[in-house]
Amino acid sequence: MEQWQGLLLYVLVFFAVFYLLIILPKHKQDKKHRQLMESLKPHDKVVTIGGICGEIKKVKEETIILKVLDNTELEVLKKAVAYKQE
């Protein structure tokens, strides 16, 4: 009976470590990215996950219009925004 208790303890410790090292940080990162997407507004300067830098011209429900040059605008998904430039 003690072998099963020891095995159960190892399994529980494994899942606790897995949760703390993998799942919890991912949830925090997802929450931070959702807050970023909700805070996007015109005239914010952003960088996409593809490395495209630009200024937000218009915010739609799922996408943004990004002005990258004087006469060049791109429509990208909000999810593609990596971070805001300061």
Protein backbone atom coordinates (compact mmCIF):
# COMPACT_ATOMS: atom_id res chain seq x y z
CA MET A 1 0.00 0.00 0.00
CA GLU A 2 2.85 2.41 0.71
CA GLN A 3 4.17 2.02 -2.85
CA TRP A 4 0.90 3.38 -4.23
CA GLN A 5 0.98 6.32 -1.85
CA GLY A 6 4.53 7.17 -2.92
CA LEU A 7 3.60 6.90 -6.59
CA LEU A 8 0.52 9.05 -6.06
CA LEU A 9 2.65 11.66 -4.31
CA TYR A 10 5.10 11.78 -7.25
CA VAL A 11 2.26 12.13 -9.75
CA LEU A 12 0.66 14.96 -7.75
CA VAL A 13 3.99 16.78 -7.41
CA PHE A 14 4.59 16.38 -11.17
CA PHE A 15 1.21 17.91 -12.02
CA ALA A 16 1.72 20.75 -9.53
CA VAL A 17 5.10 21.62 -11.05
CA PHE A 18 3.67 21.32 -14.58
CA TYR A 19 0.85 23.72 -13.66
CA LEU A 20 3.18 26.24 -12.01
CA LEU A 21 5.80 26.22 -14.77
CA ILE A 22 3.67 25.93 -17.91
CA ILE A 23 -0.04 26.59 -17.49
CA LEU A 24 -0.03 29.50 -15.02
CA PRO A 25 2.49 31.67 -16.95
CA LYS A 26 0.58 31.04 -20.20
CA HIS A 27 -2.67 32.24 -18.58
CA LYS A 28 -0.93 35.40 -17.37
CA GLN A 29 0.54 36.04 -20.82
CA ASP A 30 -2.86 35.52 -22.50
CA LYS A 31 -4.54 37.92 -20.06
CA LYS A 32 -1.89 40.58 -20.70
CA HIS A 33 -2.31 40.22 -24.49
CA ARG A 34 -6.12 40.47 -24.23
CA GLN A 35 -5.71 43.70 -22.24
CA LEU A 36 -3.35 45.01 -24.93
CA MET A 37 -5.86 44.23 -27.71
CA GLU A 38 -8.67 45.96 -25.78
CA SER A 39 -6.57 49.07 -25.18
CA LEU A 40 -5.68 49.70 -28.85
CA LYS A 41 -6.81 53.09 -30.13
CA PRO A 42 -6.06 55.37 -33.08
CA HIS A 43 -2.61 57.04 -33.09
CA ASP A 44 -1.03 54.24 -31.01
CA LYS A 45 2.27 53.08 -32.48
CA VAL A 46 2.50 49.29 -32.55
CA VAL A 47 4.67 46.42 -33.78
CA THR A 48 3.09 43.26 -35.18
CA ILE A 49 4.33 39.72 -34.61
CA GLY A 50 5.69 39.88 -38.16
CA GLY A 51 7.84 42.89 -37.29
CA ILE A 52 5.76 45.51 -39.12
CA CYS A 53 5.84 48.88 -37.36
CA GLY A 54 3.11 51.44 -37.83
CA GLU A 55 0.51 53.77 -36.39
CA ILE A 56 -3.09 52.70 -35.88
CA LYS A 57 -5.44 54.71 -38.08
CA LYS A 58 -8.71 52.91 -37.28
CA VAL A 59 -9.80 50.18 -34.87
CA LYS A 60 -12.45 47.68 -35.95
CA GLU A 61 -13.96 44.77 -34.04
CA GLU A 62 -11.39 42.12 -35.02
CA THR A 63 -8.87 44.14 -37.06
CA ILE A 64 -6.99 47.43 -37.14
CA ILE A 65 -5.97 49.66 -40.04
CA LEU A 66 -2.25 50.23 -39.69
CA LYS A 67 -0.52 53.15 -41.43
CA VAL A 68 3.02 52.01 -42.22
CA LEU A 69 4.11 54.71 -44.71
CA ASP A 70 2.58 57.95 -45.97
CA ASN A 71 0.43 56.23 -48.60
CA THR A 72 0.46 52.65 -47.32
CA GLU A 73 -2.14 51.13 -45.03
CA LEU A 74 -2.52 47.52 -43.96
CA GLU A 75 -5.45 45.78 -42.33
CA VAL A 76 -4.17 43.33 -39.71
CA LEU A 77 -5.79 41.25 -37.01
CA LYS A 78 -5.70 42.69 -33.52
CA LYS A 79 -4.22 39.36 -32.43
CA ALA A 80 -1.17 40.10 -34.60
CA VAL A 81 -0.12 43.10 -32.48
CA ALA A 82 2.89 42.11 -30.39
CA TYR A 83 3.31 45.33 -28.40
CA LYS A 84 2.92 49.09 -28.35
CA GLN A 85 5.91 51.30 -29.08
CA GLU A 86 6.66 54.03 -26.60
